[in-house]
Amino acid sequence: MLLAICHHRETGWQQVSDPAQISDLRSKGELVWAEADVKDLTGNDVAIIAEEFSLHELAVEDAVTLRQRPKLETFPDHVFVVLHQLNEEDGQLEPAQLSMFVGDHYLLVLHGGATRTLEEARRRWKEGSDEDTGPAWLLHTILDTVVDGYQQIADDLEQEIEDLEELTLESLDMPMRARIVFVNDGSMQRRLYSAKQRISRLRRYGHPAARLVQDLFSEQDNALVDPKLAPRFADVKDHALRVGDQTTSVESLTDALLDLRRGEQASTLNEVTKKLTAWAAIIAVPTLITSLYGMNFHLYPDLGQRAGFWFALTAMIVVSGGLYVYFKRRHWL
C-alpha cells in the first residue's frame, strides 16, 4: 500500500487519502513524499506507481529487487538513489534497502522493511523549517538519518572491540591455569568473529555513502538538487567519511586483537608443552633406572642386598631433583 503525504504551504504536512491525486498536487507545486514497502505491493501496484511518477523501468526493476548495491543513477525526469538501513539481528547486521526516486516536487521511497529510518526521517521533516521544503531536502534528511545509523553502529563496534581488547590484555597477567581457561573460551572467538562480520557489512554499505553524496551533488546538469543545500550535503558527506575512517580503524584494531589472541594461544600452548616436556624428562630418569635394575644381570652393585635398593632409589631422587631444579630455573615449571 502506498502512503502519500503532501506538504501544503499553509497547513504543513497532511496525508493524502487518494494517491491518484498525487499528479494534481504536484501540478500545483505541492511537495509530495510517498513511501511503500515492496513486500506489500503487487505487480499491478508497482505499475501504477511507476506510471503515476513517470519512473524509468530499469530503476523500478532495481527498486523492487532488494539485493542492490548502494548507487546513484540519473534519469531525465528523476534521480534514483539506493542506500541501506542496517539492522542488528542475532548478532549480525542485515540490510534493509531504501530505493529513493527524487523528481520534480516529489520524493518516492520503495523500501524493504526500513521503517526505522523513515520514521526518524518523518520526525525530522515535521520539525524542519518552512524553507526546507523541497525534494532534495527530503533526500538529504534520509541520507543524514542513514549515515547517523552507520555512525551509531561504528561507535558500538568500537566500544565492543575496546572491551574485548582490555579483557585480552588483562589475561596476559593471569596465572597459567586461568590463562588456559581464558584462551580456550570459545565465546571470545565468537564475539570477535561476530564483530568482524559486522565491520565487513558496515564497510560494504557504509563506505559508498560518502561517494554517493559527492556524486549526487556533483551532477552539473541536475536541476533537482538545490545548490543552496550544498552545506547540508557536505555535512552528510563529512559524517560518512568519518564513519568510513572509523570503520577502517576498528577493523585494524580487530585484526590486531585476533593476532594477539592467536599469539596468546600459541604462547599458552608453548608453556603447556614445556611443562609436559619437563615432567616427562623427570619421570624418564627413574623409569630408566628401574628398567635397568629390572634386567636379569649380575653387573649392578650389591645385587640382592638392601644397599642396592637404596642406591637405586637415591639415584632416582637425586637426578630427578636435579632436573626439577634445572627446569624450574629455566621457568619450564
C-alpha atoms as a PDB file:
ATOM      1  CA  MET A   1       0.000   0.000   0.000  1.00  0.00           C
ATOM      2  CA  LEU A   2       1.334   3.443  -0.969  1.00  0.00           C
ATOM      3  CA  LEU A   3       1.399   6.032   1.786  1.00  0.00           C
ATOM      4  CA  ALA A   4       1.439   9.569   0.380  1.00  0.00           C
ATOM      5  CA  ILE A   5       1.857  12.771   2.357  1.00  0.00           C
ATOM      6  CA  CYS A   6       1.723  16.249   0.944  1.00  0.00           C
ATOM      7  CA  HIS A   7       3.187  19.475   2.287  1.00  0.00           C
ATOM      8  CA  HIS A   8       0.900  22.496   1.914  1.00  0.00           C
ATOM      9  CA  ARG A   9       2.456  25.892   2.410  1.00  0.00           C
ATOM     10  CA  GLU A  10      -0.398  26.923   4.695  1.00  0.00           C
ATOM     11  CA  THR A  11      -1.298  23.720   6.546  1.00  0.00           C
ATOM     12  CA  GLY A  12       2.024  21.844   6.580  1.00  0.00           C
ATOM     13  CA  TRP A  13       2.200  18.066   6.229  1.00  0.00           C
ATOM     14  CA  GLN A  14      -1.067  16.254   5.520  1.00  0.00           C
ATOM     15  CA  GLN A  15      -1.751  12.686   4.464  1.00  0.00           C
ATOM     16  CA  VAL A  16      -3.291  12.260   1.022  1.00  0.00           C
ATOM     17  CA  SER A  17      -6.261   9.932   1.149  1.00  0.00           C
ATOM     18  CA  ASP A  18      -6.296   9.188  -2.578  1.00  0.00           C
ATOM     19  CA  PRO A  19      -2.891   8.510  -4.164  1.00  0.00           C
ATOM     20  CA  ALA A  20      -4.442   9.277  -7.543  1.00  0.00           C
ATOM     21  CA  GLN A  21      -4.391  12.951  -6.503  1.00  0.00           C
ATOM     22  CA  ILE A  22      -0.599  12.982  -6.497  1.00  0.00           C
ATOM     23  CA  SER A  23      -0.342  14.275 -10.067  1.00  0.00           C
ATOM     24  CA  ASP A  24      -2.760  17.116  -9.322  1.00  0.00           C
ATOM     25  CA  LEU A  25      -0.869  18.049  -6.168  1.00  0.00           C
ATOM     26  CA  ARG A  26       2.458  18.091  -7.990  1.00  0.00           C
ATOM     27  CA  SER A  27       0.995  20.221 -10.772  1.00  0.00           C
ATOM     28  CA  LYS A  28       0.007  22.778  -8.118  1.00  0.00           C
ATOM     29  CA  GLY A  29       3.562  22.930  -6.869  1.00  0.00           C
ATOM     30  CA  GLU A  30       2.898  20.980  -3.658  1.00  0.00           C
ATOM     31  CA  LEU A  31       5.691  18.804  -2.293  1.00  0.00           C
ATOM     32  CA  VAL A  32       4.753  15.116  -2.163  1.00  0.00           C
ATOM     33  CA  TRP A  33       6.503  12.438  -0.167  1.00  0.00           C
ATOM     34  CA  ALA A  34       5.355   8.861  -0.792  1.00  0.00           C
ATOM     35  CA  GLU A  35       6.581   5.550   0.553  1.00  0.00           C
ATOM     36  CA  ALA A  36       5.720   1.871   0.262  1.00  0.00           C
ATOM     37  CA  ASP A  37       7.158  -1.430   1.415  1.00  0.00           C
ATOM     38  CA  VAL A  38       7.768  -3.525  -1.691  1.00  0.00           C
ATOM     39  CA  LYS A  39       6.673  -6.629   0.217  1.00  0.00           C
ATOM     40  CA  ASP A  40       3.162  -5.152   0.350  1.00  0.00           C
ATOM     41  CA  LEU A  41       2.993  -4.267  -3.358  1.00  0.00           C
ATOM     42  CA  THR A  42       1.671  -6.381  -6.185  1.00  0.00           C
ATOM     43  CA  GLY A  43       2.906  -6.187  -9.748  1.00  0.00           C
ATOM     44  CA  ASN A  44      -0.112  -4.053 -10.623  1.00  0.00           C
ATOM     45  CA  ASP A  45       0.628  -1.672  -7.715  1.00  0.00           C
ATOM     46  CA  VAL A  46       4.193  -1.232  -8.921  1.00  0.00           C
ATOM     47  CA  ALA A  47       2.983  -0.499 -12.467  1.00  0.00           C
ATOM     48  CA  ILE A  48       0.529   2.154 -11.207  1.00  0.00           C
ATOM     49  CA  ILE A  49       3.218   3.827  -9.076  1.00  0.00           C
ATOM     50  CA  ALA A  50       5.674   3.821 -11.986  1.00  0.00           C
ATOM     51  CA  GLU A  51       3.087   5.397 -14.264  1.00  0.00           C
ATOM     52  CA  GLU A  52       1.978   7.959 -11.677  1.00  0.00           C
ATOM     53  CA  PHE A  53       5.531   9.201 -11.123  1.00  0.00           C
ATOM     54  CA  SER A  54       6.807   8.551 -14.684  1.00  0.00           C
ATOM     55  CA  LEU A  55       9.621   6.319 -13.439  1.00  0.00           C
ATOM     56  CA  HIS A  56      12.170   4.633 -15.655  1.00  0.00           C
ATOM     57  CA  GLU A  57      11.507   0.901 -15.994  1.00  0.00           C
ATOM     58  CA  LEU A  58      15.095  -0.092 -15.161  1.00  0.00           C
ATOM     59  CA  ALA A  59      15.046   1.953 -11.970  1.00  0.00           C
ATOM     60  CA  VAL A  60      11.714   0.404 -10.986  1.00  0.00           C
ATOM     61  CA  GLU A  61      13.105  -3.075 -11.577  1.00  0.00           C
ATOM     62  CA  ASP A  62      16.054  -2.318  -9.310  1.00  0.00           C
ATOM     63  CA  ALA A  63      13.799  -0.796  -6.643  1.00  0.00           C
ATOM     64  CA  VAL A  64      11.656  -3.915  -6.259  1.00  0.00           C
ATOM     65  CA  THR A  65      14.711  -6.215  -6.264  1.00  0.00           C
ATOM     66  CA  LEU A  66      16.030  -5.993  -2.719  1.00  0.00           C
ATOM     67  CA  ARG A  67      19.606  -7.011  -3.480  1.00  0.00           C
ATOM     68  CA  GLN A  68      21.039  -3.848  -4.974  1.00  0.00           C
ATOM     69  CA  ARG A  69      24.318  -2.219  -4.070  1.00  0.00           C
ATOM     70  CA  PRO A  70      24.401   1.418  -2.906  1.00  0.00           C
ATOM     71  CA  LYS A  71      24.286   3.532  -6.043  1.00  0.00           C
ATOM     72  CA  LEU A  72      23.152   6.718  -7.750  1.00  0.00           C
ATOM     73  CA  GLU A  73      21.623   6.841 -11.227  1.00  0.00           C
ATOM     74  CA  THR A  74      20.393   9.943 -13.034  1.00  0.00           C
ATOM     75  CA  PHE A  75      17.462   9.791 -15.452  1.00  0.00           C
ATOM     76  CA  PRO A  76      15.885  12.641 -17.457  1.00  0.00           C
ATOM     77  CA  ASP A  77      12.953  13.120 -15.054  1.00  0.00           C
ATOM     78  CA  HIS A  78      14.315  11.890 -11.729  1.00  0.00           C
ATOM     79  CA  VAL A  79      17.294  10.739  -9.715  1.00  0.00           C
ATOM     80  CA  PHE A  80      17.430   7.167  -8.419  1.00  0.00           C
ATOM     81  CA  VAL A  81      19.330   6.537  -5.152  1.00  0.00           C
ATOM     82  CA  VAL A  82      19.811   3.244  -3.306  1.00  0.00           C
ATOM     83  CA  LEU A  83      21.016   3.066   0.292  1.00  0.00           C
ATOM     84  CA  HIS A  84      20.538   0.560   3.089  1.00  0.00           C
ATOM     85  CA  GLN A  85      19.422   0.664   6.685  1.00  0.00           C
ATOM     86  CA  LEU A  86      21.434  -1.826   8.762  1.00  0.00           C
ATOM     87  CA  ASN A  87      19.562  -3.851  11.371  1.00  0.00           C
ATOM     88  CA  GLU A  88      21.271  -5.952  14.029  1.00  0.00           C
ATOM     89  CA  GLU A  89      19.724  -9.418  14.058  1.00  0.00           C
ATOM     90  CA  ASP A  90      21.183 -12.312  16.078  1.00  0.00           C
ATOM     91  CA  GLY A  91      24.496 -10.529  16.439  1.00  0.00           C
ATOM     92  CA  GLN A  92      24.782  -9.779  12.712  1.00  0.00           C
ATOM     93  CA  LEU A  93      23.977  -6.784  10.512  1.00  0.00           C
ATOM     94  CA  GLU A  94      21.259  -7.287   7.928  1.00  0.00           C
ATOM     95  CA  PRO A  95      20.495  -4.667   5.243  1.00  0.00           C
ATOM     96  CA  ALA A  96      17.071  -3.174   4.562  1.00  0.00           C
ATOM     97  CA  GLN A  97      17.064  -1.493   1.166  1.00  0.00           C
ATOM     98  CA  LEU A  98      15.897   2.072   0.580  1.00  0.00           C
ATOM     99  CA  SER A  99      15.223   2.880  -3.078  1.00  0.00           C
ATOM    100  CA  MET A 100      14.542   6.599  -3.496  1.00  0.00           C
ATOM    101  CA  PHE A 101      13.203   8.419  -6.537  1.00  0.00           C
ATOM    102  CA  VAL A 102      13.719  12.174  -6.424  1.00  0.00           C
ATOM    103  CA  GLY A 103      11.819  14.191  -9.001  1.00  0.00           C
ATOM    104  CA  ASP A 104      10.042  17.469  -9.531  1.00  0.00           C
ATOM    105  CA  HIS A 105       8.159  18.178  -6.279  1.00  0.00           C
ATOM    106  CA  TYR A 106       8.239  14.610  -5.012  1.00  0.00           C
ATOM    107  CA  LEU A 107      10.268  12.003  -3.180  1.00  0.00           C
ATOM    108  CA  LEU A 108       9.178   8.382  -3.557  1.00  0.00           C
ATOM    109  CA  VAL A 109      10.697   5.693  -1.337  1.00  0.00           C
ATOM    110  CA  LEU A 110      10.252   1.987  -2.063  1.00  0.00           C
ATOM    111  CA  HIS A 111      11.868   0.055   0.746  1.00  0.00           C
ATOM    112  CA  GLY A 112      12.304  -3.423   2.159  1.00  0.00           C
ATOM    113  CA  GLY A 113      11.473  -3.033   5.836  1.00  0.00           C
ATOM    114  CA  ALA A 114      13.444   0.158   6.512  1.00  0.00           C
ATOM    115  CA  THR A 115      10.694   1.598   8.706  1.00  0.00           C
ATOM    116  CA  ARG A 116      13.031   2.815  11.456  1.00  0.00           C
ATOM    117  CA  THR A 117      14.877   5.161   9.109  1.00  0.00           C
ATOM    118  CA  LEU A 118      11.668   6.506   7.595  1.00  0.00           C
ATOM    119  CA  GLU A 119      10.057   7.126  10.977  1.00  0.00           C
ATOM    120  CA  GLU A 120      13.085   9.123  12.099  1.00  0.00           C
ATOM    121  CA  ALA A 121      13.158  10.993   8.789  1.00  0.00           C
ATOM    122  CA  ARG A 122       9.464  11.865   9.116  1.00  0.00           C
ATOM    123  CA  ARG A 123      10.110  13.243  12.585  1.00  0.00           C
ATOM    124  CA  ARG A 124      12.917  15.431  11.258  1.00  0.00           C
ATOM    125  CA  TRP A 125      10.838  16.586   8.296  1.00  0.00           C
ATOM    126  CA  LYS A 126       7.975  17.700  10.501  1.00  0.00           C
ATOM    127  CA  GLU A 127      10.373  19.545  12.801  1.00  0.00           C
ATOM    128  CA  GLY A 128      12.141  21.287   9.906  1.00  0.00           C
ATOM    129  CA  SER A 129      11.810  24.920   8.970  1.00  0.00           C
ATOM    130  CA  ASP A 130       9.404  26.159   6.305  1.00  0.00           C
ATOM    131  CA  GLU A 131      12.317  26.959   3.993  1.00  0.00           C
ATOM    132  CA  ASP A 132      13.365  23.296   3.952  1.00  0.00           C
ATOM    133  CA  THR A 133      10.516  22.046   1.771  1.00  0.00           C
ATOM    134  CA  GLY A 134      12.000  20.591  -1.387  1.00  0.00           C
ATOM    135  CA  PRO A 135      12.608  17.029  -2.619  1.00  0.00           C
ATOM    136  CA  ALA A 136      16.365  17.454  -2.297  1.00  0.00           C
ATOM    137  CA  TRP A 137      15.921  18.435   1.346  1.00  0.00           C
ATOM    138  CA  LEU A 138      13.818  15.313   1.937  1.00  0.00           C
ATOM    139  CA  LEU A 139      16.520  13.204   0.302  1.00  0.00           C
ATOM    140  CA  HIS A 140      19.176  14.900   2.413  1.00  0.00           C
ATOM    141  CA  THR A 141      17.234  14.073   5.577  1.00  0.00           C
ATOM    142  CA  ILE A 142      17.062  10.379   4.700  1.00  0.00           C
ATOM    143  CA  LEU A 143      20.762  10.324   3.809  1.00  0.00           C
ATOM    144  CA  ASP A 144      21.594  12.026   7.090  1.00  0.00           C
ATOM    145  CA  THR A 145      19.421   9.566   9.039  1.00  0.00           C
ATOM    146  CA  VAL A 146      21.045   6.554   7.368  1.00  0.00           C
ATOM    147  CA  VAL A 147      24.568   7.873   7.978  1.00  0.00           C
ATOM    148  CA  ASP A 148      23.693   8.615  11.614  1.00  0.00           C
ATOM    149  CA  GLY A 149      22.650   4.980  11.921  1.00  0.00           C
ATOM    150  CA  TYR A 150      26.013   3.902  10.493  1.00  0.00           C
ATOM    151  CA  GLN A 151      27.750   6.166  12.999  1.00  0.00           C
ATOM    152  CA  GLN A 152      25.931   4.553  15.920  1.00  0.00           C
ATOM    153  CA  ILE A 153      26.880   1.083  14.696  1.00  0.00           C
ATOM    154  CA  ALA A 154      30.516   2.137  14.278  1.00  0.00           C
ATOM    155  CA  ASP A 155      30.561   3.613  17.803  1.00  0.00           C
ATOM    156  CA  ASP A 156      29.089   0.426  19.281  1.00  0.00           C
ATOM    157  CA  LEU A 157      31.583  -1.739  17.418  1.00  0.00           C
ATOM    158  CA  GLU A 158      34.493   0.406  18.545  1.00  0.00           C
ATOM    159  CA  GLN A 159      33.389   0.170  22.174  1.00  0.00           C
ATOM    160  CA  GLU A 160      32.890  -3.599  21.905  1.00  0.00           C
ATOM    161  CA  ILE A 161      36.345  -4.154  20.398  1.00  0.00           C
ATOM    162  CA  GLU A 162      37.956  -1.959  23.045  1.00  0.00           C
ATOM    163  CA  ASP A 163      36.255  -4.013  25.773  1.00  0.00           C
ATOM    164  CA  LEU A 164      37.497  -7.258  24.202  1.00  0.00           C
ATOM    165  CA  GLU A 165      40.973  -5.787  23.884  1.00  0.00           C
ATOM    166  CA  GLU A 166      41.001  -4.891  27.576  1.00  0.00           C
ATOM    167  CA  LEU A 167      39.927  -8.421  28.538  1.00  0.00           C
ATOM    168  CA  THR A 168      42.620  -9.932  26.345  1.00  0.00           C
ATOM    169  CA  LEU A 169      45.359  -7.706  27.752  1.00  0.00           C
ATOM    170  CA  GLU A 170      44.252  -8.479  31.310  1.00  0.00           C
ATOM    171  CA  SER A 171      44.533 -12.195  30.563  1.00  0.00           C
ATOM    172  CA  LEU A 172      48.273 -11.777  29.948  1.00  0.00           C
ATOM    173  CA  ASP A 173      48.745 -11.189  33.689  1.00  0.00           C
ATOM    174  CA  MET A 174      46.636 -14.159  34.740  1.00  0.00           C
ATOM    175  CA  PRO A 175      48.140 -17.300  36.318  1.00  0.00           C
ATOM    176  CA  MET A 176      48.804 -20.046  33.806  1.00  0.00           C
ATOM    177  CA  ARG A 177      45.783 -22.119  34.805  1.00  0.00           C
ATOM    178  CA  ALA A 178      43.448 -19.132  34.416  1.00  0.00           C
ATOM    179  CA  ARG A 179      45.076 -18.190  31.095  1.00  0.00           C
ATOM    180  CA  ILE A 180      44.485 -21.670  29.719  1.00  0.00           C
ATOM    181  CA  VAL A 181      40.817 -21.428  30.631  1.00  0.00           C
ATOM    182  CA  PHE A 182      40.559 -17.958  29.074  1.00  0.00           C
ATOM    183  CA  VAL A 183      42.324 -18.944  25.860  1.00  0.00           C
ATOM    184  CA  ASN A 184      40.056 -21.958  25.428  1.00  0.00           C
ATOM    185  CA  ASP A 185      36.927 -19.871  25.985  1.00  0.00           C
ATOM    186  CA  GLY A 186      35.049 -20.127  22.697  1.00  0.00           C
ATOM    187  CA  SER A 187      32.766 -17.198  23.484  1.00  0.00           C
ATOM    188  CA  MET A 188      35.626 -14.744  22.924  1.00  0.00           C
ATOM    189  CA  GLN A 189      36.280 -16.182  19.477  1.00  0.00           C
ATOM    190  CA  ARG A 190      32.595 -15.999  18.593  1.00  0.00           C
ATOM    191  CA  ARG A 191      32.371 -12.368  19.728  1.00  0.00           C
ATOM    192  CA  LEU A 192      35.445 -11.418  17.731  1.00  0.00           C
ATOM    193  CA  TYR A 193      34.284 -13.068  14.533  1.00  0.00           C
ATOM    194  CA  SER A 194      30.787 -11.647  15.005  1.00  0.00           C
ATOM    195  CA  ALA A 195      32.311  -8.171  15.287  1.00  0.00           C
ATOM    196  CA  LYS A 196      34.439  -8.903  12.216  1.00  0.00           C
ATOM    197  CA  GLN A 197      31.326  -9.781  10.223  1.00  0.00           C
ATOM    198  CA  ARG A 198      29.519  -6.630  11.314  1.00  0.00           C
ATOM    199  CA  ILE A 199      32.508  -4.472  10.431  1.00  0.00           C
ATOM    200  CA  SER A 200      32.652  -6.071   6.993  1.00  0.00           C
ATOM    201  CA  ARG A 201      28.936  -5.458   6.435  1.00  0.00           C
ATOM    202  CA  LEU A 202      29.215  -1.850   7.643  1.00  0.00           C
ATOM    203  CA  ARG A 203      32.130  -1.240   5.277  1.00  0.00           C
ATOM    204  CA  ARG A 204      30.196  -2.766   2.391  1.00  0.00           C
ATOM    205  CA  TYR A 205      27.185  -0.493   2.804  1.00  0.00           C
ATOM    206  CA  GLY A 206      28.659   2.473   4.657  1.00  0.00           C
ATOM    207  CA  HIS A 207      31.732   3.309   2.603  1.00  0.00           C
ATOM    208  CA  PRO A 208      29.823   4.076  -0.636  1.00  0.00           C
ATOM    209  CA  ALA A 209      27.654   6.662   1.175  1.00  0.00           C
ATOM    210  CA  ALA A 210      30.260   9.435   1.033  1.00  0.00           C
ATOM    211  CA  ARG A 211      30.959   8.824  -2.643  1.00  0.00           C
ATOM    212  CA  LEU A 212      27.243   8.683  -3.375  1.00  0.00           C
ATOM    213  CA  VAL A 213      26.610  12.069  -1.742  1.00  0.00           C
ATOM    214  CA  GLN A 214      29.542  13.566  -3.628  1.00  0.00           C
ATOM    215  CA  ASP A 215      28.287  12.180  -6.940  1.00  0.00           C
ATOM    216  CA  LEU A 216      24.762  13.400  -6.217  1.00  0.00           C
ATOM    217  CA  PHE A 217      25.834  16.973  -5.727  1.00  0.00           C
ATOM    218  CA  SER A 218      28.485  16.991  -8.453  1.00  0.00           C
ATOM    219  CA  GLU A 219      25.923  16.429 -11.204  1.00  0.00           C
ATOM    220  CA  GLN A 220      26.229  19.746 -13.028  1.00  0.00           C
ATOM    221  CA  ASP A 221      23.060  19.280 -15.080  1.00  0.00           C
ATOM    222  CA  ASN A 222      20.964  18.037 -12.184  1.00  0.00           C
ATOM    223  CA  ALA A 223      18.352  20.715 -11.518  1.00  0.00           C
ATOM    224  CA  LEU A 224      16.704  18.600  -8.814  1.00  0.00           C
ATOM    225  CA  VAL A 225      19.409  19.372  -6.258  1.00  0.00           C
ATOM    226  CA  ASP A 226      19.229  22.919  -4.964  1.00  0.00           C
ATOM    227  CA  PRO A 227      22.743  24.433  -4.738  1.00  0.00           C
ATOM    228  CA  LYS A 228      21.646  26.126  -1.505  1.00  0.00           C
ATOM    229  CA  LEU A 229      21.706  22.678   0.095  1.00  0.00           C
ATOM    230  CA  ALA A 230      25.410  22.267  -0.609  1.00  0.00           C
ATOM    231  CA  PRO A 231      26.428  22.796   3.055  1.00  0.00           C
ATOM    232  CA  ARG A 232      23.902  20.177   4.195  1.00  0.00           C
ATOM    233  CA  PHE A 233      25.097  17.575   1.718  1.00  0.00           C
ATOM    234  CA  ALA A 234      28.720  18.427   2.523  1.00  0.00           C
ATOM    235  CA  ASP A 235      27.957  17.793   6.193  1.00  0.00           C
ATOM    236  CA  VAL A 236      26.459  14.368   5.400  1.00  0.00           C
ATOM    237  CA  LYS A 237      29.484  13.572   3.263  1.00  0.00           C
ATOM    238  CA  ASP A 238      31.808  14.545   6.111  1.00  0.00           C
ATOM    239  CA  HIS A 239      29.912  12.280   8.509  1.00  0.00           C
ATOM    240  CA  ALA A 240      30.034   9.414   6.008  1.00  0.00           C
ATOM    241  CA  LEU A 241      33.793   9.864   5.560  1.00  0.00           C
ATOM    242  CA  ARG A 242      34.224   9.853   9.325  1.00  0.00           C
ATOM    243  CA  VAL A 243      32.262   6.604   9.565  1.00  0.00           C
ATOM    244  CA  GLY A 244      34.475   5.132   6.850  1.00  0.00           C
ATOM    245  CA  ASP A 245      37.664   6.138   8.677  1.00  0.00           C
ATOM    246  CA  GLN A 246      36.288   4.835  11.970  1.00  0.00           C
ATOM    247  CA  THR A 247      35.314   1.537  10.354  1.00  0.00           C
ATOM    248  CA  THR A 248      38.812   1.134   8.942  1.00  0.00           C
ATOM    249  CA  SER A 249      40.322   1.909  12.339  1.00  0.00           C
ATOM    250  CA  VAL A 250      38.047  -0.553  14.144  1.00  0.00           C
ATOM    251  CA  GLU A 251      38.773  -3.223  11.552  1.00  0.00           C
ATOM    252  CA  SER A 252      42.529  -2.753  12.034  1.00  0.00           C
ATOM    253  CA  LEU A 253      42.080  -2.980  15.800  1.00  0.00           C
ATOM    254  CA  THR A 254      40.029  -6.156  15.394  1.00  0.00           C
ATOM    255  CA  ASP A 255      42.708  -7.728  13.204  1.00  0.00           C
ATOM    256  CA  ALA A 256      45.362  -6.788  15.782  1.00  0.00           C
ATOM    257  CA  LEU A 257      43.233  -8.287  18.526  1.00  0.00           C
ATOM    258  CA  LEU A 258      42.782 -11.504  16.556  1.00  0.00           C
ATOM    259  CA  ASP A 259      46.555 -11.683  16.057  1.00  0.00           C
ATOM    260  CA  LEU A 260      47.047 -11.082  19.773  1.00  0.00           C
ATOM    261  CA  ARG A 261      44.619 -13.882  20.589  1.00  0.00           C
ATOM    262  CA  ARG A 262      46.395 -16.259  18.227  1.00  0.00           C
ATOM    263  CA  GLY A 263      49.763 -15.273  19.700  1.00  0.00           C
ATOM    264  CA  GLU A 264      48.404 -15.801  23.195  1.00  0.00           C
ATOM    265  CA  GLN A 265      47.085 -19.219  22.233  1.00  0.00           C
ATOM    266  CA  ALA A 266      50.456 -20.168  20.742  1.00  0.00           C
ATOM    267  CA  SER A 267      52.279 -18.876  23.820  1.00  0.00           C
ATOM    268  CA  THR A 268      49.985 -20.781  26.171  1.00  0.00           C
ATOM    269  CA  LEU A 269      50.376 -23.942  24.110  1.00  0.00           C
ATOM    270  CA  ASN A 270      54.146 -23.491  24.235  1.00  0.00           C
ATOM    271  CA  GLU A 271      54.058 -23.125  28.032  1.00  0.00           C
ATOM    272  CA  VAL A 272      51.961 -26.264  28.385  1.00  0.00           C
ATOM    273  CA  THR A 273      54.291 -28.143  26.043  1.00  0.00           C
ATOM    274  CA  LYS A 274      57.335 -27.094  28.064  1.00  0.00           C
ATOM    275  CA  LYS A 275      55.728 -28.283  31.295  1.00  0.00           C
ATOM    276  CA  LEU A 276      54.806 -31.622  29.803  1.00  0.00           C
ATOM    277  CA  THR A 277      58.305 -31.999  28.376  1.00  0.00           C
ATOM    278  CA  ALA A 278      59.931 -31.160  31.724  1.00  0.00           C
ATOM    279  CA  TRP A 279      57.792 -33.624  33.658  1.00  0.00           C
ATOM    280  CA  ALA A 280      58.336 -36.275  31.008  1.00  0.00           C
ATOM    281  CA  ALA A 281      62.110 -35.827  31.387  1.00  0.00           C
ATOM    282  CA  ILE A 282      61.888 -36.004  35.184  1.00  0.00           C
ATOM    283  CA  ILE A 283      59.775 -39.157  35.078  1.00  0.00           C
ATOM    284  CA  ALA A 284      62.021 -40.718  32.435  1.00  0.00           C
ATOM    285  CA  VAL A 285      65.044 -40.845  34.786  1.00  0.00           C
ATOM    286  CA  PRO A 286      63.555 -43.143  37.479  1.00  0.00           C
ATOM    287  CA  THR A 287      61.890 -45.125  34.728  1.00  0.00           C
ATOM    288  CA  LEU A 288      65.293 -45.708  33.136  1.00  0.00           C
ATOM    289  CA  ILE A 289      66.937 -46.686  36.416  1.00  0.00           C
ATOM    290  CA  THR A 290      64.178 -49.108  37.415  1.00  0.00           C
ATOM    291  CA  SER A 291      64.153 -50.645  33.960  1.00  0.00           C
ATOM    292  CA  LEU A 292      67.904 -51.263  34.136  1.00  0.00           C
ATOM    293  CA  TYR A 293      67.629 -52.825  37.577  1.00  0.00           C
ATOM    294  CA  GLY A 294      64.801 -54.928  36.307  1.00  0.00           C
ATOM    295  CA  MET A 295      67.141 -56.638  33.842  1.00  0.00           C
ATOM    296  CA  ASN A 296      68.437 -60.054  34.934  1.00  0.00           C
ATOM    297  CA  PHE A 297      72.195 -59.260  35.017  1.00  0.00           C
ATOM    298  CA  HIS A 298      74.851 -59.542  37.741  1.00  0.00           C
ATOM    299  CA  LEU A 299      76.582 -56.271  36.903  1.00  0.00           C
ATOM    300  CA  TYR A 300      74.963 -53.999  39.498  1.00  0.00           C
ATOM    301  CA  PRO A 301      76.365 -53.063  42.916  1.00  0.00           C
ATOM    302  CA  ASP A 302      75.097 -55.066  45.879  1.00  0.00           C
ATOM    303  CA  LEU A 303      72.698 -57.138  43.812  1.00  0.00           C
ATOM    304  CA  GLY A 304      70.301 -58.887  46.144  1.00  0.00           C
ATOM    305  CA  GLN A 305      71.233 -56.608  49.050  1.00  0.00           C
ATOM    306  CA  ARG A 306      69.300 -53.747  50.687  1.00  0.00           C
ATOM    307  CA  ALA A 307      72.062 -51.315  49.751  1.00  0.00           C
ATOM    308  CA  GLY A 308      71.292 -51.870  46.077  1.00  0.00           C
ATOM    309  CA  PHE A 309      67.672 -50.808  46.595  1.00  0.00           C
ATOM    310  CA  TRP A 310      68.653 -47.664  48.464  1.00  0.00           C
ATOM    311  CA  PHE A 311      71.344 -46.868  45.916  1.00  0.00           C
ATOM    312  CA  ALA A 312      68.848 -47.026  43.047  1.00  0.00           C
ATOM    313  CA  LEU A 313      66.233 -45.043  44.957  1.00  0.00           C
ATOM    314  CA  THR A 314      68.772 -42.356  45.903  1.00  0.00           C
ATOM    315  CA  ALA A 315      69.910 -42.099  42.288  1.00  0.00           C
ATOM    316  CA  MET A 316      66.318 -41.595  41.155  1.00  0.00           C
ATOM    317  CA  ILE A 317      65.674 -38.853  43.734  1.00  0.00           C
ATOM    318  CA  VAL A 318      68.949 -37.015  43.134  1.00  0.00           C
ATOM    319  CA  VAL A 319      68.762 -37.000  39.352  1.00  0.00           C
ATOM    320  CA  SER A 320      65.040 -36.211  39.268  1.00  0.00           C
ATOM    321  CA  GLY A 321      65.515 -33.446  41.840  1.00  0.00           C
ATOM    322  CA  GLY A 322      68.370 -32.021  39.817  1.00  0.00           C
ATOM    323  CA  LEU A 323      66.227 -31.985  36.681  1.00  0.00           C
ATOM    324  CA  TYR A 324      63.381 -30.353  38.598  1.00  0.00           C
ATOM    325  CA  VAL A 325      65.671 -27.564  39.844  1.00  0.00           C
ATOM    326  CA  TYR A 326      67.085 -27.108  36.354  1.00  0.00           C
ATOM    327  CA  PHE A 327      63.695 -26.805  34.688  1.00  0.00           C
ATOM    328  CA  LYS A 328      62.447 -24.555  37.482  1.00  0.00           C
ATOM    329  CA  ARG A 329      65.304 -22.146  36.905  1.00  0.00           C
ATOM    330  CA  ARG A 330      64.562 -22.174  33.169  1.00  0.00           C
ATOM    331  CA  HIS A 331      60.897 -21.365  34.005  1.00  0.00           C
ATOM    332  CA  TRP A 332      59.653 -24.549  32.388  1.00  0.00           C
ATOM    333  CA  LEU A 333      57.882 -25.486  35.616  1.00  0.00           C
END
